[in-house]
C-alpha atoms as a PDB file:
ATOM      1  CA  MET A   1      14.443  25.538  -3.630  1.00  0.00           C
ATOM      2  CA  PRO A   2      11.757  27.020  -1.262  1.00  0.00           C
ATOM      3  CA  GLY A   3      11.892  30.853  -0.638  1.00  0.00           C
ATOM      4  CA  PRO A   4      12.406  32.778   2.534  1.00  0.00           C
ATOM      5  CA  LEU A   5      10.172  32.199   5.738  1.00  0.00           C
ATOM      6  CA  ASP A   6       6.926  34.358   5.562  1.00  0.00           C
ATOM      7  CA  PRO A   7       5.422  34.498   9.031  1.00  0.00           C
ATOM      8  CA  ASN A   8       2.179  35.837   7.885  1.00  0.00           C
ATOM      9  CA  ALA A   9       1.425  33.353   5.136  1.00  0.00           C
ATOM     10  CA  ARG A  10      -1.337  30.827   4.966  1.00  0.00           C
ATOM     11  CA  GLY A  11       1.169  27.641   4.821  1.00  0.00           C
ATOM     12  CA  LYS A  12      -0.007  24.268   6.015  1.00  0.00           C
ATOM     13  CA  VAL A  13       0.480  20.575   5.168  1.00  0.00           C
ATOM     14  CA  VAL A  14      -2.366  18.344   4.073  1.00  0.00           C
ATOM     15  CA  LEU A  15      -1.401  14.704   3.946  1.00  0.00           C
ATOM     16  CA  VAL A  16      -3.868  13.199   1.308  1.00  0.00           C
ATOM     17  CA  GLY A  17      -4.551   9.530   0.679  1.00  0.00           C
ATOM     18  CA  ALA A  18      -4.512   8.992  -3.014  1.00  0.00           C
ATOM     19  CA  GLY A  19      -6.070   5.568  -2.967  1.00  0.00           C
ATOM     20  CA  PRO A  20      -4.880   2.455  -4.764  1.00  0.00           C
ATOM     21  CA  GLY A  21      -4.632   4.141  -8.083  1.00  0.00           C
ATOM     22  CA  ASP A  22      -7.628   4.820  -9.795  1.00  0.00           C
ATOM     23  CA  PRO A  23      -8.441   8.577  -9.617  1.00  0.00           C
ATOM     24  CA  GLY A  24     -12.272   7.764  -9.275  1.00  0.00           C
ATOM     25  CA  LEU A  25     -11.489   6.460  -5.739  1.00  0.00           C
ATOM     26  CA  LEU A  26     -10.227   9.656  -4.535  1.00  0.00           C
ATOM     27  CA  THR A  27     -12.402  11.296  -2.009  1.00  0.00           C
ATOM     28  CA  VAL A  28     -14.008  14.709  -2.509  1.00  0.00           C
ATOM     29  CA  ARG A  29     -11.961  16.182   0.428  1.00  0.00           C
ATOM     30  CA  ALA A  30      -8.759  14.772  -1.608  1.00  0.00           C
ATOM     31  CA  VAL A  31      -9.563  16.594  -4.690  1.00  0.00           C
ATOM     32  CA  GLU A  32     -10.395  19.881  -2.892  1.00  0.00           C
ATOM     33  CA  ALA A  33      -7.006  19.745  -1.187  1.00  0.00           C
ATOM     34  CA  LEU A  34      -5.257  18.897  -4.568  1.00  0.00           C
ATOM     35  CA  ARG A  35      -7.073  21.849  -6.156  1.00  0.00           C
ATOM     36  CA  SER A  36      -5.732  24.315  -3.470  1.00  0.00           C
ATOM     37  CA  ALA A  37      -2.217  23.079  -3.420  1.00  0.00           C
ATOM     38  CA  ASP A  38       0.871  25.123  -4.223  1.00  0.00           C
ATOM     39  CA  VAL A  39       3.105  22.197  -3.853  1.00  0.00           C
ATOM     40  CA  VAL A  40       2.477  18.612  -4.330  1.00  0.00           C
ATOM     41  CA  VAL A  41       5.018  16.142  -2.893  1.00  0.00           C
ATOM     42  CA  HIS A  42       4.010  12.869  -4.146  1.00  0.00           C
ATOM     43  CA  ASP A  43       4.953   9.233  -4.054  1.00  0.00           C
ATOM     44  CA  GLY A  44       6.067   7.254  -7.123  1.00  0.00           C
ATOM     45  CA  LEU A  45       3.190   5.105  -7.606  1.00  0.00           C
ATOM     46  CA  ILE A  46       0.714   7.961  -7.977  1.00  0.00           C
ATOM     47  CA  ASP A  47      -1.312   7.766 -11.185  1.00  0.00           C
ATOM     48  CA  PRO A  48      -0.577  10.945 -13.347  1.00  0.00           C
ATOM     49  CA  ARG A  49      -4.230  11.449 -13.578  1.00  0.00           C
ATOM     50  CA  VAL A  50      -4.531  12.183  -9.823  1.00  0.00           C
ATOM     51  CA  LEU A  51      -1.754  14.896 -10.246  1.00  0.00           C
ATOM     52  CA  ASP A  52      -4.007  16.540 -12.973  1.00  0.00           C
ATOM     53  CA  TYR A  53      -6.324  17.682 -10.042  1.00  0.00           C
ATOM     54  CA  ALA A  54      -3.668  20.051  -8.818  1.00  0.00           C
ATOM     55  CA  PRO A  55      -3.530  23.598 -10.618  1.00  0.00           C
ATOM     56  CA  ALA A  56      -1.028  23.993 -13.417  1.00  0.00           C
ATOM     57  CA  HIS A  57       0.918  26.386 -11.370  1.00  0.00           C
ATOM     58  CA  ALA A  58       1.368  23.972  -8.429  1.00  0.00           C
ATOM     59  CA  GLN A  59       4.806  22.602  -7.969  1.00  0.00           C
ATOM     60  CA  ARG A  60       4.976  18.718  -8.362  1.00  0.00           C
ATOM     61  CA  ILE A  61       7.784  16.992  -6.678  1.00  0.00           C
ATOM     62  CA  SER A  62       8.316  13.325  -6.767  1.00  0.00           C
ATOM     63  CA  VAL A  63       9.812  11.579  -3.906  1.00  0.00           C
ATOM     64  CA  ALA A  64       9.740   8.115  -5.647  1.00  0.00           C
ATOM     65  CA  LYS A  65      11.005   5.207  -3.554  1.00  0.00           C
ATOM     66  CA  ARG A  66      11.692   1.693  -4.847  1.00  0.00           C
ATOM     67  CA  ARG A  67      13.080  -1.371  -2.993  1.00  0.00           C
ATOM     68  CA  ASP A  68      16.815  -0.667  -2.056  1.00  0.00           C
ATOM     69  CA  ARG A  69      16.737   2.612  -4.053  1.00  0.00           C
ATOM     70  CA  HIS A  70      15.061   5.685  -2.278  1.00  0.00           C
ATOM     71  CA  THR A  71      15.471   9.209  -4.227  1.00  0.00           C
ATOM     72  CA  LEU A  72      15.330  10.889  -0.853  1.00  0.00           C
ATOM     73  CA  PRO A  73      15.475   9.127   2.749  1.00  0.00           C
ATOM     74  CA  GLN A  74      12.321   9.703   4.935  1.00  0.00           C
ATOM     75  CA  GLU A  75      14.173  12.386   6.823  1.00  0.00           C
ATOM     76  CA  ALA A  76      14.989  14.219   3.800  1.00  0.00           C
ATOM     77  CA  ILE A  77      11.429  14.191   2.705  1.00  0.00           C
ATOM     78  CA  ASN A  78       9.926  15.523   6.086  1.00  0.00           C
ATOM     79  CA  ALA A  79      12.868  18.364   5.774  1.00  0.00           C
ATOM     80  CA  LEU A  80      11.451  19.114   2.264  1.00  0.00           C
ATOM     81  CA  VAL A  81       7.894  19.377   3.180  1.00  0.00           C
ATOM     82  CA  VAL A  82       8.609  21.554   6.298  1.00  0.00           C
ATOM     83  CA  ALA A  83      10.925  23.745   4.091  1.00  0.00           C
ATOM     84  CA  HIS A  84       8.054  24.472   1.638  1.00  0.00           C
ATOM     85  CA  VAL A  85       5.240  25.002   4.223  1.00  0.00           C
ATOM     86  CA  ARG A  86       7.655  27.583   5.852  1.00  0.00           C
ATOM     87  CA  THR A  87       7.297  29.886   2.861  1.00  0.00           C
ATOM     88  CA  GLY A  88       3.684  29.952   3.265  1.00  0.00           C
ATOM     89  CA  ALA A  89       2.658  27.357   0.569  1.00  0.00           C
ATOM     90  CA  VAL A  90      -0.058  24.914   0.951  1.00  0.00           C
ATOM     91  CA  VAL A  91       1.794  21.534   0.475  1.00  0.00           C
ATOM     92  CA  VAL A  92      -0.083  18.564  -0.271  1.00  0.00           C
ATOM     93  CA  ARG A  93       1.841  15.316   0.562  1.00  0.00           C
ATOM     94  CA  LEU A  94       0.265  12.894  -1.688  1.00  0.00           C
ATOM     95  CA  LYS A  95       0.497   9.117  -0.427  1.00  0.00           C
ATOM     96  CA  GLY A  96      -0.788   5.829  -2.205  1.00  0.00           C
ATOM     97  CA  GLY A  97      -3.574   4.286  -0.560  1.00  0.00           C
ATOM     98  CA  ASP A  98      -4.006   5.750   3.069  1.00  0.00           C
ATOM     99  CA  PRO A  99      -1.360   7.829   4.777  1.00  0.00           C
ATOM    100  CA  PHE A 100      -1.683   5.853   8.012  1.00  0.00           C
ATOM    101  CA  VAL A 101      -1.718   2.465   6.736  1.00  0.00           C
ATOM    102  CA  PHE A 102       1.976   1.458   5.800  1.00  0.00           C
ATOM    103  CA  GLY A 103       2.321   4.904   4.560  1.00  0.00           C
ATOM    104  CA  ARG A 104       4.560   6.297   7.142  1.00  0.00           C
ATOM    105  CA  GLY A 105       2.228   9.374   7.555  1.00  0.00           C
ATOM    106  CA  GLY A 106       2.475   9.171  11.488  1.00  0.00           C
ATOM    107  CA  GLU A 107       6.290  10.008  10.958  1.00  0.00           C
ATOM    108  CA  GLU A 108       5.504  13.116   8.719  1.00  0.00           C
ATOM    109  CA  VAL A 109       2.700  14.430  11.129  1.00  0.00           C
ATOM    110  CA  GLU A 110       5.133  14.295  13.860  1.00  0.00           C
ATOM    111  CA  ALA A 111       7.941  16.033  11.713  1.00  0.00           C
ATOM    112  CA  VAL A 112       5.454  18.952  10.709  1.00  0.00           C
ATOM    113  CA  ARG A 113       4.210  19.375  14.270  1.00  0.00           C
ATOM    114  CA  ALA A 114       7.694  19.383  15.563  1.00  0.00           C
ATOM    115  CA  ALA A 115       8.303  22.255  13.369  1.00  0.00           C
ATOM    116  CA  GLY A 116       5.495  24.221  14.604  1.00  0.00           C
ATOM    117  CA  MET A 117       3.416  24.071  11.314  1.00  0.00           C
ATOM    118  CA  PRO A 118      -0.139  23.193  10.898  1.00  0.00           C
ATOM    119  CA  VAL A 119      -1.135  19.754   9.457  1.00  0.00           C
ATOM    120  CA  GLU A 120      -4.001  17.619   8.688  1.00  0.00           C
ATOM    121  CA  VAL A 121      -4.671  14.452   7.131  1.00  0.00           C
ATOM    122  CA  ILE A 122      -7.382  13.240   4.560  1.00  0.00           C
ATOM    123  CA  PRO A 123      -7.766   9.404   4.697  1.00  0.00           C
ATOM    124  CA  GLY A 124      -7.740   7.360   1.435  1.00  0.00           C
ATOM    125  CA  VAL A 125      -9.029   3.920   0.276  1.00  0.00           C
ATOM    126  CA  SER A 126      -6.391   1.425   1.405  1.00  0.00           C
ATOM    127  CA  ALA A 127      -4.817  -0.626  -1.042  1.00  0.00           C
ATOM    128  CA  ALA A 128      -6.195  -3.786   0.416  1.00  0.00           C
ATOM    129  CA  LEU A 129      -9.729  -2.426   0.311  1.00  0.00           C
ATOM    130  CA  GLY A 130      -9.494  -1.199  -3.275  1.00  0.00           C
ATOM    131  CA  CYS A 131      -7.936  -4.037  -4.757  1.00  0.00           C
ATOM    132  CA  ALA A 132     -10.073  -6.673  -3.114  1.00  0.00           C
ATOM    133  CA  ALA A 133     -13.172  -4.852  -4.177  1.00  0.00           C
ATOM    134  CA  GLU A 134     -11.954  -4.926  -7.727  1.00  0.00           C
ATOM    135  CA  ALA A 135     -11.384  -8.589  -7.617  1.00  0.00           C
ATOM    136  CA  MET A 136     -14.682  -9.228  -5.528  1.00  0.00           C
ATOM    137  CA  LEU A 137     -12.847 -10.524  -2.818  1.00  0.00           C
ATOM    138  CA  PRO A 138     -14.595  -9.936   0.466  1.00  0.00           C
ATOM    139  CA  LEU A 139     -12.043  -9.576   3.146  1.00  0.00           C
ATOM    140  CA  THR A 140     -14.646 -10.769   5.847  1.00  0.00           C
ATOM    141  CA  HIS A 141     -17.561 -12.708   5.216  1.00  0.00           C
ATOM    142  CA  ARG A 142     -20.240 -13.941   7.828  1.00  0.00           C
ATOM    143  CA  ASP A 143     -19.681 -17.437   6.877  1.00  0.00           C
ATOM    144  CA  TRP A 144     -15.852 -17.424   6.073  1.00  0.00           C
ATOM    145  CA  SER A 145     -14.141 -14.884   7.953  1.00  0.00           C
ATOM    146  CA  SER A 146     -14.637 -12.775  11.272  1.00  0.00           C
ATOM    147  CA  ALA A 147     -11.207 -11.203  11.272  1.00  0.00           C
ATOM    148  CA  VAL A 148      -8.804  -9.351   8.997  1.00  0.00           C
ATOM    149  CA  SER A 149      -5.306  -8.183   9.786  1.00  0.00           C
ATOM    150  CA  PHE A 150      -2.741  -6.325   7.975  1.00  0.00           C
ATOM    151  CA  VAL A 151       1.047  -6.698   7.886  1.00  0.00           C
ATOM    152  CA  ALA A 152       4.115  -5.596   5.931  1.00  0.00           C
ATOM    153  CA  GLY A 153       6.057  -8.315   4.435  1.00  0.00           C
ATOM    154  CA  GLN A 154       9.461  -6.951   3.911  1.00  0.00           C
ATOM    155  CA  CYS A 155      12.355  -9.473   4.471  1.00  0.00           C
ATOM    156  CA  LYS A 156      14.145  -7.396   7.014  1.00  0.00           C
ATOM    157  CA  GLY A 157      13.323  -8.924  10.588  1.00  0.00           C
ATOM    158  CA  LEU A 158      10.568 -10.952   8.940  1.00  0.00           C
ATOM    159  CA  SER A 159      11.605 -14.325  10.817  1.00  0.00           C
ATOM    160  CA  GLU A 160      11.494 -12.622  14.277  1.00  0.00           C
ATOM    161  CA  GLN A 161       7.911 -11.285  13.634  1.00  0.00           C
ATOM    162  CA  ASP A 162       5.108 -12.949  15.300  1.00  0.00           C
ATOM    163  CA  TRP A 163       2.130 -13.757  13.123  1.00  0.00           C
ATOM    164  CA  THR A 164       0.703 -16.496  14.876  1.00  0.00           C
ATOM    165  CA  GLY A 165      -2.989 -16.671  14.899  1.00  0.00           C
ATOM    166  CA  LEU A 166      -3.364 -13.985  12.003  1.00  0.00           C
ATOM    167  CA  ALA A 167      -4.482 -16.501   9.491  1.00  0.00           C
ATOM    168  CA  GLY A 168      -6.209 -19.725   9.500  1.00  0.00           C
ATOM    169  CA  LYS A 169      -9.883 -20.887   9.827  1.00  0.00           C
ATOM    170  CA  GLY A 170     -12.048 -17.766  10.037  1.00  0.00           C
ATOM    171  CA  ARG A 171      -9.381 -15.214   9.445  1.00  0.00           C
ATOM    172  CA  THR A 172      -8.052 -13.265   6.591  1.00  0.00           C
ATOM    173  CA  LEU A 173      -4.388 -12.009   6.433  1.00  0.00           C
ATOM    174  CA  VAL A 174      -3.463  -9.370   4.045  1.00  0.00           C
ATOM    175  CA  ILE A 175       0.268  -8.699   3.289  1.00  0.00           C
ATOM    176  CA  TYR A 176       1.577  -5.367   1.877  1.00  0.00           C
ATOM    177  CA  MET A 177       5.070  -5.278   0.169  1.00  0.00           C
ATOM    178  CA  GLY A 178       5.581  -8.880   0.194  1.00  0.00           C
ATOM    179  CA  VAL A 179       6.071  -9.752  -3.518  1.00  0.00           C
ATOM    180  CA  TRP A 180      10.114 -10.002  -3.052  1.00  0.00           C
ATOM    181  CA  SER A 181       9.534 -12.189   0.030  1.00  0.00           C
ATOM    182  CA  GLY A 182       6.607 -14.213  -1.011  1.00  0.00           C
ATOM    183  CA  GLY A 183       8.477 -17.675  -0.680  1.00  0.00           C
ATOM    184  CA  CYS A 184       9.905 -16.865   2.818  1.00  0.00           C
ATOM    185  CA  ILE A 185       6.305 -15.704   3.812  1.00  0.00           C
ATOM    186  CA  ALA A 186       4.722 -18.831   2.496  1.00  0.00           C
ATOM    187  CA  ASP A 187       7.466 -20.952   4.488  1.00  0.00           C
ATOM    188  CA  LYS A 188       6.949 -18.798   7.587  1.00  0.00           C
ATOM    189  CA  LEU A 189       3.233 -19.198   7.707  1.00  0.00           C
ATOM    190  CA  MET A 190       3.316 -23.140   6.964  1.00  0.00           C
ATOM    191  CA  THR A 191       6.041 -23.412   9.968  1.00  0.00           C
ATOM    192  CA  ASP A 192       3.436 -21.790  12.040  1.00  0.00           C
ATOM    193  CA  GLY A 193       0.987 -24.354  11.187  1.00  0.00           C
ATOM    194  CA  LEU A 194      -0.999 -23.240   8.115  1.00  0.00           C
ATOM    195  CA  ALA A 195      -2.399 -25.547   5.735  1.00  0.00           C
ATOM    196  CA  PRO A 196      -0.266 -25.681   2.636  1.00  0.00           C
ATOM    197  CA  ASP A 197      -3.372 -25.810   0.550  1.00  0.00           C
ATOM    198  CA  LEU A 198      -4.900 -22.792   2.202  1.00  0.00           C
ATOM    199  CA  PRO A 199      -5.922 -20.225  -0.744  1.00  0.00           C
ATOM    200  CA  VAL A 200      -3.929 -17.327  -1.574  1.00  0.00           C
ATOM    201  CA  ALA A 201      -4.632 -14.308  -4.019  1.00  0.00           C
ATOM    202  CA  VAL A 202      -2.209 -12.024  -5.484  1.00  0.00           C
ATOM    203  CA  LEU A 203      -3.738  -8.750  -6.497  1.00  0.00           C
ATOM    204  CA  GLU A 204      -1.152  -6.685  -8.693  1.00  0.00           C
ATOM    205  CA  ARG A 205      -1.758  -3.237  -9.752  1.00  0.00           C
ATOM    206  CA  GLY A 206      -5.149  -3.337  -8.281  1.00  0.00           C
ATOM    207  CA  THR A 207      -7.589  -0.474  -9.790  1.00  0.00           C
ATOM    208  CA  LEU A 208      -4.866   0.441 -12.501  1.00  0.00           C
ATOM    209  CA  PRO A 209      -4.547  -0.485 -16.222  1.00  0.00           C
ATOM    210  CA  GLY A 210      -2.937  -3.807 -16.412  1.00  0.00           C
ATOM    211  CA  ALA A 211      -4.312  -5.140 -12.980  1.00  0.00           C
ATOM    212  CA  ARG A 212      -3.949  -8.873 -12.325  1.00  0.00           C
ATOM    213  CA  ALA A 213      -5.770 -10.917  -9.684  1.00  0.00           C
ATOM    214  CA  MET A 214      -4.299 -14.374  -9.397  1.00  0.00           C
ATOM    215  CA  ARG A 215      -5.076 -17.209  -7.181  1.00  0.00           C
ATOM    216  CA  THR A 216      -2.916 -20.144  -5.765  1.00  0.00           C
ATOM    217  CA  ILE A 217      -2.212 -22.062  -2.503  1.00  0.00           C
ATOM    218  CA  LEU A 218       0.070 -21.190   0.212  1.00  0.00           C
ATOM    219  CA  ALA A 219       2.781 -23.729  -0.835  1.00  0.00           C
ATOM    220  CA  ASP A 220       2.730 -22.435  -4.361  1.00  0.00           C
ATOM    221  CA  LEU A 221       3.066 -18.658  -3.591  1.00  0.00           C
ATOM    222  CA  GLY A 222       6.553 -18.128  -4.141  1.00  0.00           C
ATOM    223  CA  GLY A 223       6.670 -20.150  -7.228  1.00  0.00           C
ATOM    224  CA  MET A 224       3.585 -18.613  -8.710  1.00  0.00           C
ATOM    225  CA  LEU A 225       5.120 -15.064  -7.947  1.00  0.00           C
ATOM    226  CA  GLU A 226       8.097 -16.073 -10.021  1.00  0.00           C
ATOM    227  CA  ARG A 227       6.370 -17.597 -12.929  1.00  0.00           C
ATOM    228  CA  GLU A 228       3.903 -14.819 -13.394  1.00  0.00           C
ATOM    229  CA  LYS A 229       6.732 -12.261 -12.846  1.00  0.00           C
ATOM    230  CA  VAL A 230       4.646 -10.288 -10.299  1.00  0.00           C
ATOM    231  CA  VAL A 231       6.132  -6.844  -9.689  1.00  0.00           C
ATOM    232  CA  SER A 232       4.880  -4.197  -7.197  1.00  0.00           C
ATOM    233  CA  PRO A 233       2.572  -2.508  -6.408  1.00  0.00           C
ATOM    234  CA  ALA A 234       0.918  -5.875  -5.196  1.00  0.00           C
ATOM    235  CA  ILE A 235      -1.006  -7.096  -2.156  1.00  0.00           C
ATOM    236  CA  ILE A 236      -1.059 -10.840  -0.964  1.00  0.00           C
ATOM    237  CA  VAL A 237      -4.451 -12.234   0.679  1.00  0.00           C
ATOM    238  CA  VAL A 238      -4.380 -15.456   2.453  1.00  0.00           C
ATOM    239  CA  GLY A 239      -7.674 -17.167   3.807  1.00  0.00           C
ATOM    240  CA  GLU A 240     -10.730 -19.245   2.736  1.00  0.00           C
ATOM    241  CA  VAL A 241     -12.384 -15.942   1.409  1.00  0.00           C
ATOM    242  CA  VAL A 242     -10.168 -16.216  -1.523  1.00  0.00           C
ATOM    243  CA  GLU A 243     -12.124 -18.796  -2.899  1.00  0.00           C
ATOM    244  CA  LEU A 244     -15.191 -16.261  -3.272  1.00  0.00           C
ATOM    245  CA  SER A 245     -13.022 -14.092  -5.446  1.00  0.00           C
ATOM    246  CA  ASP A 246     -12.881 -13.563  -9.039  1.00  0.00           C
ATOM    247  CA  ALA A 247      -9.271 -14.163  -9.257  1.00  0.00           C
ATOM    248  CA  GLU A 248      -8.073 -16.328 -11.756  1.00  0.00           C
ATOM    249  CA  ASP A 249      -6.677 -19.786 -10.846  1.00  0.00           C
ATOM    250  CA  LYS A 250      -2.784 -19.937 -11.480  1.00  0.00           C
ATOM    251  CA  LEU A 251      -1.970 -22.982  -9.589  1.00  0.00           C
ATOM    252  CA  ARG A 252       0.675 -25.227 -10.813  1.00  0.00           C
ATOM    253  CA  VAL A 253       2.199 -27.163  -7.792  1.00  0.00           C
ATOM    254  CA  LEU A 254       5.787 -28.337  -8.296  1.00  0.00           C
ATOM    255  CA  ALA A 255       6.448 -31.691  -8.039  1.00  0.00           C
ATOM    256  CA  GLY A 256       8.241 -31.091  -4.758  1.00  0.00           C
ATOM    257  CA  ARG A 257       5.201 -29.734  -3.249  1.00  0.00           C
ATOM    258  CA  ALA A 258       2.560 -32.333  -4.610  1.00  0.00           C
ATOM    259  CA  GLU A 259       3.187 -34.786  -1.908  1.00  0.00           C
ATOM    260  CA  ALA A 260       2.735 -32.303   0.900  1.00  0.00           C
ATOM    261  CA  LEU A 261      -0.717 -31.507  -0.514  1.00  0.00           C
ATOM    262  CA  SER A 262      -1.873 -35.107  -0.914  1.00  0.00           C
END
């Protein structure tokens, strides 16, 4: 547990984006922050090689989260970070991807500020950008897509979310955290008017060992996720730009879908 408050100490919080996984995608500022850390509070999907940049004496604290099983609720993570920085520690809050892209970094900044503590943010390569680059999948392209949107794909409240206009001709949709609700997402998008044969890519463990890039069509998204036993971390990309990628074609349309695609 953290020690007592030292009002003359140098304590601060640095929210650091660890990128999609590969340590080579860390920014120079991210590495510098890690090397200055007394405490590293990190997400569960951080590659161990990233943690190696922190000094040997730095305390490493995992606050790993999984679907329906959180080691600590967000409020407890906020309190943990604040408690350590009050002792004068330099606390690096290490988050996968970018802290401000589905990373709840905004909430953590608010909590640290509310406690009267200094905080800074070092951006990271967001998962969508890193995974798409590895798969040679341009999210925008002069001839194919002039807009890209990012959404979270959790099932909770999914049916009430309005994604109208986010995907289709000339547009790319990137879905984070959509593996467990892929079938629901596909049905939702087709109900909203997207063509069942619109290309889709699933980028699993992008930039990490064992990465897979798979291509199918929207109508087969849920089936492909199940057949290929896709697990998080993974992102889903919907749009014509998928045709330009190096993703492997995994399309096996179910008989019940074939008529809809003819």
